[in-house]
PDB file of N, CA and C in Angstrom:
ATOM      1  N   UNK A   1     109.470  80.080 120.474  1.00  0.00           N
ATOM      2  CA  UNK A   1     108.131  80.499 120.860  1.00  0.00           C
ATOM      3  C   UNK A   1     108.248  81.669 121.835  1.00  0.00           C
ATOM      4  N   UNK A   2     107.425  82.670 121.636  1.00  0.00           N
ATOM      5  CA  UNK A   2     107.470  83.823 122.522  1.00  0.00           C
ATOM      6  C   UNK A   2     106.529  83.620 123.698  1.00  0.00           C
ATOM      7  N   UNK A   3     106.735  84.413 124.705  1.00  0.00           N
ATOM      8  CA  UNK A   3     105.889  84.327 125.885  1.00  0.00           C
ATOM      9  C   UNK A   3     104.546  85.004 125.619  1.00  0.00           C
ATOM     10  N   UNK A   4     103.582  84.709 126.471  1.00  0.00           N
ATOM     11  CA  UNK A   4     102.276  85.351 126.370  1.00  0.00           C
ATOM     12  C   UNK A   4     102.395  86.853 126.560  1.00  0.00           C
ATOM     13  N   UNK A   5     103.329  87.265 127.410  1.00  0.00           N
ATOM     14  CA  UNK A   5     103.528  88.701 127.624  1.00  0.00           C
ATOM     15  C   UNK A   5     103.965  89.370 126.323  1.00  0.00           C
ATOM     16  N   UNK A   6     104.917  88.771 125.620  1.00  0.00           N
ATOM     17  CA  UNK A   6     105.387  89.354 124.358  1.00  0.00           C
ATOM     18  C   UNK A   6     104.274  89.396 123.315  1.00  0.00           C
ATOM     19  N   UNK A   7     103.477  88.342 123.268  1.00  0.00           N
ATOM     20  CA  UNK A   7     102.361  88.322 122.329  1.00  0.00           C
ATOM     21  C   UNK A   7     101.353  89.415 122.678  1.00  0.00           C
ATOM     22  N   UNK A   8     101.042  89.550 123.964  1.00  0.00           N
ATOM     23  CA  UNK A   8     100.098  90.590 124.394  1.00  0.00           C
ATOM     24  C   UNK A   8     100.636  91.979 124.075  1.00  0.00           C
ATOM     25  N   UNK A   9     101.924  92.179 124.294  1.00  0.00           N
ATOM     26  CA  UNK A   9     102.550  93.471 123.983  1.00  0.00           C
ATOM     27  C   UNK A   9     102.462  93.757 122.490  1.00  0.00           C
ATOM     28  N   UNK A  10     102.777  92.773 121.680  1.00  0.00           N
ATOM     29  CA  UNK A  10     102.732  92.946 120.230  1.00  0.00           C
ATOM     30  C   UNK A  10     101.307  93.238 119.762  1.00  0.00           C
ATOM     31  N   UNK A  11     100.332  92.553 120.340  1.00  0.00           N
ATOM     32  CA  UNK A  11      98.934  92.794 119.979  1.00  0.00           C
ATOM     33  C   UNK A  11      98.491  94.196 120.396  1.00  0.00           C
ATOM     34  N   UNK A  12      98.939  94.643 121.574  1.00  0.00           N
ATOM     35  CA  UNK A  12      98.605  95.997 122.030  1.00  0.00           C
ATOM     36  C   UNK A  12      99.229  97.044 121.107  1.00  0.00           C
ATOM     37  N   UNK A  13     100.467  96.800 120.697  1.00  0.00           N
ATOM     38  CA  UNK A  13     101.130  97.722 119.774  1.00  0.00           C
ATOM     39  C   UNK A  13     100.387  97.769 118.434  1.00  0.00           C
ATOM     40  N   UNK A  14      99.927  96.610 117.968  1.00  0.00           N
ATOM     41  CA  UNK A  14      99.141  96.565 116.733  1.00  0.00           C
ATOM     42  C   UNK A  14      97.899  97.443 116.877  1.00  0.00           C
ATOM     43  N   UNK A  15      97.258  97.374 118.019  1.00  0.00           N
ATOM     44  CA  UNK A  15      96.079  98.204 118.248  1.00  0.00           C
ATOM     45  C   UNK A  15      96.396  99.683 118.192  1.00  0.00           C
ATOM     46  N   UNK A  16      97.491 100.094 118.843  1.00  0.00           N
ATOM     47  CA  UNK A  16      97.869 101.512 118.844  1.00  0.00           C
ATOM     48  C   UNK A  16      98.298 101.975 117.458  1.00  0.00           C
ATOM     49  N   UNK A  17      99.070 101.148 116.760  1.00  0.00           N
ATOM     50  CA  UNK A  17      99.511 101.512 115.411  1.00  0.00           C
ATOM     51  C   UNK A  17      98.322 101.598 114.460  1.00  0.00           C
ATOM     52  N   UNK A  18      97.382 100.679 114.616  1.00  0.00           N
ATOM     53  CA  UNK A  18      96.177 100.692 113.778  1.00  0.00           C
ATOM     54  C   UNK A  18      95.357 101.951 114.027  1.00  0.00           C
ATOM     55  N   UNK A  19      95.270 102.352 115.287  1.00  0.00           N
ATOM     56  CA  UNK A  19      94.534 103.567 115.644  1.00  0.00           C
ATOM     57  C   UNK A  19      95.120 104.778 114.919  1.00  0.00           C
ATOM     58  N   UNK A  20      96.431 104.854 114.864  1.00  0.00           N
ATOM     59  CA  UNK A  20      97.102 105.953 114.170  1.00  0.00           C
ATOM     60  C   UNK A  20      96.769 105.940 112.679  1.00  0.00           C
ATOM     61  N   UNK A  21      96.814 104.756 112.063  1.00  0.00           N
ATOM     62  CA  UNK A  21      96.519 104.649 110.633  1.00  0.00           C
ATOM     63  C   UNK A  21      95.063 105.006 110.359  1.00  0.00           C
ATOM     64  N   UNK A  22      94.170 104.599 111.225  1.00  0.00           N
ATOM     65  CA  UNK A  22      92.753 104.940 111.049  1.00  0.00           C
ATOM     66  C   UNK A  22      92.582 106.451 111.051  1.00  0.00           C
ATOM     67  N   UNK A  23      93.230 107.133 111.989  1.00  0.00           N
ATOM     68  CA  UNK A  23      93.152 108.588 112.037  1.00  0.00           C
ATOM     69  C   UNK A  23      93.694 109.245 110.785  1.00  0.00           C
ATOM     70  N   UNK A  24      94.834 108.761 110.319  1.00  0.00           N
ATOM     71  CA  UNK A  24      95.430 109.311 109.094  1.00  0.00           C
ATOM     72  C   UNK A  24      94.531 109.067 107.885  1.00  0.00           C
ATOM     73  N   UNK A  25      93.924 107.892 107.842  1.00  0.00           N
ATOM     74  CA  UNK A  25      93.048 107.580 106.709  1.00  0.00           C
ATOM     75  C   UNK A  25      91.765 108.407 106.762  1.00  0.00           C
ATOM     76  N   UNK A  26      91.214 108.614 107.944  1.00  0.00           N
ATOM     77  CA  UNK A  26      89.997 109.428 108.069  1.00  0.00           C
ATOM     78  C   UNK A  26      90.272 110.842 107.575  1.00  0.00           C
ATOM     79  N   UNK A  27      91.433 111.380 107.931  1.00  0.00           N
ATOM     80  CA  UNK A  27      91.787 112.729 107.449  1.00  0.00           C
ATOM     81  C   UNK A  27      91.885 112.742 105.923  1.00  0.00           C
ATOM     82  N   UNK A  28      92.503 111.716 105.358  1.00  0.00           N
ATOM     83  CA  UNK A  28      92.637 111.640 103.901  1.00  0.00           C
ATOM     84  C   UNK A  28      91.262 111.541 103.254  1.00  0.00           C
ATOM     85  N   UNK A  29      90.398 110.704 103.806  1.00  0.00           N
ATOM     86  CA  UNK A  29      89.062 110.544 103.236  1.00  0.00           C
ATOM     87  C   UNK A  29      88.228 111.817 103.380  1.00  0.00           C
ATOM     88  N   UNK A  30      88.401 112.525 104.479  1.00  0.00           N
ATOM     89  CA  UNK A  30      87.636 113.744 104.723  1.00  0.00           C
ATOM     90  C   UNK A  30      87.979 114.842 103.722  1.00  0.00           C
ATOM     91  N   UNK A  31      89.200 114.822 103.209  1.00  0.00           N
ATOM     92  CA  UNK A  31      89.602 115.831 102.225  1.00  0.00           C
ATOM     93  C   UNK A  31      88.907 115.630 100.884  1.00  0.00           C
ATOM     94  N   UNK A  32      88.466 114.399 100.632  1.00  0.00           N
ATOM     95  CA  UNK A  32      87.755 114.106  99.392  1.00  0.00           C
ATOM     96  C   UNK A  32      88.673 114.106  98.186  1.00  0.00           C
ATOM     97  N   UNK A  33      88.059 114.051  97.027  1.00  0.00           N
ATOM     98  CA  UNK A  33      88.795 114.096  95.779  1.00  0.00           C
ATOM     99  C   UNK A  33      89.379 112.746  95.378  1.00  0.00           C
ATOM    100  N   UNK A  34      90.247 112.795  94.381  1.00  0.00           N
ATOM    101  CA  UNK A  34      90.841 111.582  93.824  1.00  0.00           C
ATOM    102  C   UNK A  34      91.692 110.843  94.849  1.00  0.00           C
ATOM    103  N   UNK A  35      92.380 111.598  95.691  1.00  0.00           N
ATOM    104  CA  UNK A  35      93.222 110.997  96.715  1.00  0.00           C
ATOM    105  C   UNK A  35      92.398 110.174  97.698  1.00  0.00           C
ATOM    106  N   UNK A  36      91.236 110.673  98.054  1.00  0.00           N
ATOM    107  CA  UNK A  36      90.357 109.960  98.985  1.00  0.00           C
ATOM    108  C   UNK A  36      89.813 108.689  98.339  1.00  0.00           C
ATOM    109  N   UNK A  37      89.440 108.792  97.102  1.00  0.00           N
ATOM    110  CA  UNK A  37      88.918 107.612  96.392  1.00  0.00           C
ATOM    111  C   UNK A  37      89.990 106.535  96.277  1.00  0.00           C
ATOM    112  N   UNK A  38      91.202 106.931  95.930  1.00  0.00           N
ATOM    113  CA  UNK A  38      92.306 105.987  95.821  1.00  0.00           C
ATOM    114  C   UNK A  38      92.579 105.322  97.166  1.00  0.00           C
ATOM    115  N   UNK A  39      92.552 106.113  98.232  1.00  0.00           N
ATOM    116  CA  UNK A  39      92.802 105.576  99.574  1.00  0.00           C
ATOM    117  C   UNK A  39      91.710 104.593  99.983  1.00  0.00           C
ATOM    118  N   UNK A  40      90.472 104.915  99.683  1.00  0.00           N
ATOM    119  CA  UNK A  40      89.365 104.016 100.028  1.00  0.00           C
ATOM    120  C   UNK A  40      89.494 102.689  99.283  1.00  0.00           C
ATOM    121  N   UNK A  41      89.823 102.761  98.005  1.00  0.00           N
ATOM    122  CA  UNK A  41      89.997 101.541  97.218  1.00  0.00           C
ATOM    123  C   UNK A  41      91.181 100.727  97.740  1.00  0.00           C
ATOM    124  N   UNK A  42      92.263 101.405  98.064  1.00  0.00           N
ATOM    125  CA  UNK A  42      93.447 100.729  98.584  1.00  0.00           C
ATOM    126  C   UNK A  42      93.129 100.054  99.915  1.00  0.00           C
ATOM    127  N   UNK A  43      92.391 100.759 100.761  1.00  0.00           N
ATOM    128  CA  UNK A  43      92.057 100.244 102.083  1.00  0.00           C
ATOM    129  C   UNK A  43      91.289  98.922 101.969  1.00  0.00           C
ATOM    130  N   UNK A  44      90.314  98.870 101.091  1.00  0.00           N
ATOM    131  CA  UNK A  44      89.502  97.665 100.930  1.00  0.00           C
ATOM    132  C   UNK A  44      90.340  96.530 100.347  1.00  0.00           C
ATOM    133  N   UNK A  45      91.091  96.812  99.306  1.00  0.00           N
ATOM    134  CA  UNK A  45      91.880  95.742  98.679  1.00  0.00           C
ATOM    135  C   UNK A  45      92.971  95.228  99.619  1.00  0.00           C
ATOM    136  N   UNK A  46      93.581  96.116 100.391  1.00  0.00           N
ATOM    137  CA  UNK A  46      94.605  95.684 101.352  1.00  0.00           C
ATOM    138  C   UNK A  46      94.012  94.784 102.423  1.00  0.00           C
ATOM    139  N   UNK A  47      92.835  95.127 102.895  1.00  0.00           N
ATOM    140  CA  UNK A  47      92.193  94.306 103.932  1.00  0.00           C
ATOM    141  C   UNK A  47      91.868  92.917 103.402  1.00  0.00           C
ATOM    142  N   UNK A  48      91.369  92.840 102.187  1.00  0.00           N
ATOM    143  CA  UNK A  48      91.049  91.542 101.594  1.00  0.00           C
ATOM    144  C   UNK A  48      92.316  90.707 101.410  1.00  0.00           C
ATOM    145  N   UNK A  49      93.378  91.337 100.930  1.00  0.00           N
ATOM    146  CA  UNK A  49      94.640  90.629 100.723  1.00  0.00           C
ATOM    147  C   UNK A  49      95.236  90.188 102.059  1.00  0.00           C
ATOM    148  N   UNK A  50      95.222  91.046 103.045  1.00  0.00           N
ATOM    149  CA  UNK A  50      95.791  90.704 104.353  1.00  0.00           C
ATOM    150  C   UNK A  50      95.029  89.549 104.992  1.00  0.00           C
ATOM    151  N   UNK A  51      93.713  89.544 104.860  1.00  0.00           N
ATOM    152  CA  UNK A  51      92.913  88.467 105.420  1.00  0.00           C
ATOM    153  C   UNK A  51      93.228  87.139 104.735  1.00  0.00           C
ATOM    154  N   UNK A  52      93.321  87.159 103.414  1.00  0.00           N
ATOM    155  CA  UNK A  52      93.645  85.928 102.672  1.00  0.00           C
ATOM    156  C   UNK A  52      95.021  85.408 103.074  1.00  0.00           C
ATOM    157  N   UNK A  53      95.997  86.310 103.185  1.00  0.00           N
ATOM    158  CA  UNK A  53      97.340  85.905 103.583  1.00  0.00           C
ATOM    159  C   UNK A  53      97.360  85.347 105.001  1.00  0.00           C
ATOM    160  N   UNK A  54      96.595  85.957 105.902  1.00  0.00           N
ATOM    161  CA  UNK A  54      96.538  85.477 107.285  1.00  0.00           C
ATOM    162  C   UNK A  54      95.930  84.079 107.342  1.00  0.00           C
ATOM    163  N   UNK A  55      94.858  83.850 106.585  1.00  0.00           N
ATOM    164  CA  UNK A  55      94.237  82.525 106.563  1.00  0.00           C
ATOM    165  C   UNK A  55      95.223  81.480 106.060  1.00  0.00           C
ATOM    166  N   UNK A  56      95.914  81.800 104.991  1.00  0.00           N
ATOM    167  CA  UNK A  56      96.893  80.865 104.428  1.00  0.00           C
ATOM    168  C   UNK A  56      98.018  80.597 105.417  1.00  0.00           C
ATOM    169  N   UNK A  57      98.515  81.628 106.048  1.00  0.00           N
ATOM    170  CA  UNK A  57      99.614  81.496 107.004  1.00  0.00           C
ATOM    171  C   UNK A  57      99.199  80.648 108.209  1.00  0.00           C
ATOM    172  N   UNK A  58      98.026  80.908 108.747  1.00  0.00           N
ATOM    173  CA  UNK A  58      97.545  80.145 109.903  1.00  0.00           C
ATOM    174  C   UNK A  58      97.328  78.687 109.514  1.00  0.00           C
ATOM    175  N   UNK A  59      96.682  78.452 108.378  1.00  0.00           N
ATOM    176  CA  UNK A  59      96.443  77.072 107.938  1.00  0.00           C
ATOM    177  C   UNK A  59      97.759  76.329 107.731  1.00  0.00           C
ATOM    178  N   UNK A  60      98.722  76.992 107.117  1.00  0.00           N
ATOM    179  CA  UNK A  60     100.030  76.368 106.895  1.00  0.00           C
ATOM    180  C   UNK A  60     100.701  76.031 108.215  1.00  0.00           C
ATOM    181  N   UNK A  61     100.686  76.965 109.146  1.00  0.00           N
ATOM    182  CA  UNK A  61     101.296  76.723 110.458  1.00  0.00           C
ATOM    183  C   UNK A  61     100.636  75.551 111.175  1.00  0.00           C
ATOM    184  N   UNK A  62      99.320  75.520 111.157  1.00  0.00           N
ATOM    185  CA  UNK A  62      98.596  74.457 111.861  1.00  0.00           C
ATOM    186  C   UNK A  62      98.845  73.107 111.192  1.00  0.00           C
ATOM    187  N   UNK A  63      98.777  73.072 109.866  1.00  0.00           N
ATOM    188  CA  UNK A  63      98.936  71.802 109.150  1.00  0.00           C
ATOM    189  C   UNK A  63     100.368  71.267 109.159  1.00  0.00           C
ATOM    190  N   UNK A  64     101.326  72.137 109.432  1.00  0.00           N
ATOM    191  CA  UNK A  64     102.716  71.683 109.494  1.00  0.00           C
ATOM    192  C   UNK A  64     103.188  71.505 110.929  1.00  0.00           C
ATOM    193  N   UNK A  65     102.239  71.501 111.870  1.00  0.00           N
ATOM    194  CA  UNK A  65     102.583  71.247 113.256  1.00  0.00           C
ATOM    195  C   UNK A  65     103.171  72.429 113.999  1.00  0.00           C
ATOM    196  N   UNK A  66     103.012  73.623 113.439  1.00  0.00           N
ATOM    197  CA  UNK A  66     103.528  74.824 114.094  1.00  0.00           C
ATOM    198  C   UNK A  66     102.393  75.755 114.504  1.00  0.00           C
ATOM    199  N   UNK A  67     101.293  75.163 114.915  1.00  0.00           N
ATOM    200  CA  UNK A  67     100.139  75.958 115.320  1.00  0.00           C
ATOM    201  C   UNK A  67     100.430  76.894 116.474  1.00  0.00           C
ATOM    202  N   UNK A  68     101.410  76.538 117.285  1.00  0.00           N
ATOM    203  CA  UNK A  68     101.744  77.354 118.456  1.00  0.00           C
ATOM    204  C   UNK A  68     102.346  78.709 118.069  1.00  0.00           C
ATOM    205  N   UNK A  69     102.812  78.868 116.830  1.00  0.00           N
ATOM    206  CA  UNK A  69     103.373  80.154 116.407  1.00  0.00           C
ATOM    207  C   UNK A  69     102.447  80.910 115.450  1.00  0.00           C
ATOM    208  N   UNK A  70     101.292  80.324 115.138  1.00  0.00           N
ATOM    209  CA  UNK A  70     100.399  80.913 114.141  1.00  0.00           C
ATOM    210  C   UNK A  70      99.937  82.316 114.527  1.00  0.00           C
ATOM    211  N   UNK A  71      99.512  82.496 115.765  1.00  0.00           N
ATOM    212  CA  UNK A  71      98.997  83.806 116.182  1.00  0.00           C
ATOM    213  C   UNK A  71     100.116  84.831 116.207  1.00  0.00           C
ATOM    214  N   UNK A  72     101.255  84.442 116.739  1.00  0.00           N
ATOM    215  CA  UNK A  72     102.401  85.350 116.794  1.00  0.00           C
ATOM    216  C   UNK A  72     102.793  85.813 115.391  1.00  0.00           C
ATOM    217  N   UNK A  73     102.858  84.889 114.463  1.00  0.00           N
ATOM    218  CA  UNK A  73     103.239  85.242 113.087  1.00  0.00           C
ATOM    219  C   UNK A  73     102.183  86.118 112.426  1.00  0.00           C
ATOM    220  N   UNK A  74     100.921  85.864 112.727  1.00  0.00           N
ATOM    221  CA  UNK A  74      99.842  86.662 112.142  1.00  0.00           C
ATOM    222  C   UNK A  74      99.878  88.093 112.663  1.00  0.00           C
ATOM    223  N   UNK A  75     100.043  88.255 113.961  1.00  0.00           N
ATOM    224  CA  UNK A  75     100.127  89.604 114.542  1.00  0.00           C
ATOM    225  C   UNK A  75     101.333  90.340 113.959  1.00  0.00           C
ATOM    226  N   UNK A  76     102.449  89.643 113.831  1.00  0.00           N
ATOM    227  CA  UNK A  76     103.656  90.257 113.275  1.00  0.00           C
ATOM    228  C   UNK A  76     103.429  90.708 111.831  1.00  0.00           C
ATOM    229  N   UNK A  77     102.759  89.879 111.045  1.00  0.00           N
ATOM    230  CA  UNK A  77     102.475  90.244 109.644  1.00  0.00           C
ATOM    231  C   UNK A  77     101.579  91.472 109.565  1.00  0.00           C
ATOM    232  N   UNK A  78     100.529  91.502 110.378  1.00  0.00           N
ATOM    233  CA  UNK A  78      99.630  92.651 110.377  1.00  0.00           C
ATOM    234  C   UNK A  78     100.361  93.921 110.827  1.00  0.00           C
ATOM    235  N   UNK A  79     101.243  93.801 111.802  1.00  0.00           N
ATOM    236  CA  UNK A  79     101.993  94.982 112.263  1.00  0.00           C
ATOM    237  C   UNK A  79     102.855  95.546 111.141  1.00  0.00           C
ATOM    238  N   UNK A  80     103.464  94.686 110.350  1.00  0.00           N
ATOM    239  CA  UNK A  80     104.292  95.158 109.223  1.00  0.00           C
ATOM    240  C   UNK A  80     103.444  95.934 108.225  1.00  0.00           C
ATOM    241  N   UNK A  81     102.271  95.414 107.927  1.00  0.00           N
ATOM    242  CA  UNK A  81     101.372  96.079 106.979  1.00  0.00           C
ATOM    243  C   UNK A  81     100.926  97.429 107.536  1.00  0.00           C
ATOM    244  N   UNK A  82     100.551  97.452 108.797  1.00  0.00           N
ATOM    245  CA  UNK A  82     100.069  98.689 109.426  1.00  0.00           C
ATOM    246  C   UNK A  82     101.180  99.737 109.478  1.00  0.00           C
ATOM    247  N   UNK A  83     102.382  99.324 109.858  1.00  0.00           N
ATOM    248  CA  UNK A  83     103.495 100.288 109.926  1.00  0.00           C
ATOM    249  C   UNK A  83     103.834 100.831 108.542  1.00  0.00           C
ATOM    250  N   UNK A  84     103.749  99.995 107.508  1.00  0.00           N
ATOM    251  CA  UNK A  84     103.994 100.475 106.141  1.00  0.00           C
ATOM    252  C   UNK A  84     102.952 101.515 105.752  1.00  0.00           C
ATOM    253  N   UNK A  85     101.705 101.274 106.100  1.00  0.00           N
ATOM    254  CA  UNK A  85     100.651 102.255 105.819  1.00  0.00           C
ATOM    255  C   UNK A  85     100.883 103.544 106.590  1.00  0.00           C
ATOM    256  N   UNK A  86     101.317 103.420 107.830  1.00  0.00           N
ATOM    257  CA  UNK A  86     101.582 104.600 108.649  1.00  0.00           C
ATOM    258  C   UNK A  86     102.686 105.444 108.019  1.00  0.00           C
ATOM    259  N   UNK A  87     103.758 104.811 107.602  1.00  0.00           N
ATOM    260  CA  UNK A  87     104.865 105.549 106.957  1.00  0.00           C
ATOM    261  C   UNK A  87     104.392 106.226 105.670  1.00  0.00           C
ATOM    262  N   UNK A  88     103.617 105.493 104.862  1.00  0.00           N
ATOM    263  CA  UNK A  88     103.129 106.028 103.602  1.00  0.00           C
ATOM    264  C   UNK A  88     102.207 107.225 103.829  1.00  0.00           C
ATOM    265  N   UNK A  89     101.296 107.101 104.773  1.00  0.00           N
ATOM    266  CA  UNK A  89     100.332 108.178 105.014  1.00  0.00           C
ATOM    267  C   UNK A  89     100.964 109.393 105.663  1.00  0.00           C
ATOM    268  N   UNK A  90     101.992 109.210 106.464  1.00  0.00           N
ATOM    269  CA  UNK A  90     102.652 110.338 107.120  1.00  0.00           C
ATOM    270  C   UNK A  90     103.605 111.065 106.170  1.00  0.00           C
ATOM    271  N   UNK A  91     104.019 110.398 105.109  1.00  0.00           N
ATOM    272  CA  UNK A  91     104.976 110.999 104.178  1.00  0.00           C
ATOM    273  C   UNK A  91     104.331 112.059 103.295  1.00  0.00           C
ATOM    274  N   UNK A  92     103.041 112.032 103.188  1.00  0.00           N
ATOM    275  CA  UNK A  92     102.363 112.981 102.273  1.00  0.00           C
ATOM    276  C   UNK A  92     102.001 114.247 102.972  1.00  0.00           C
TER     277      UNK A  92
END
């Protein structure tokens, strides 16, 4: 189990990384065209998938007696998704 400080740090990093991805996505959407449409569709489907996965992960953790790690694991999962989006958007 991690400390509250580590969890807070990880959550803060998620916020900063998300801010970067939002900026990159806004630029992509502002350019318009097929690329913007694809990005908008991807953004919505990714959010729906990430939410479903988070619900399943939290429920599994709680029902198996590991509720104390549910938030940490959820933040970690979201950070992986956000960093992957950041790498993808910066590569273009």
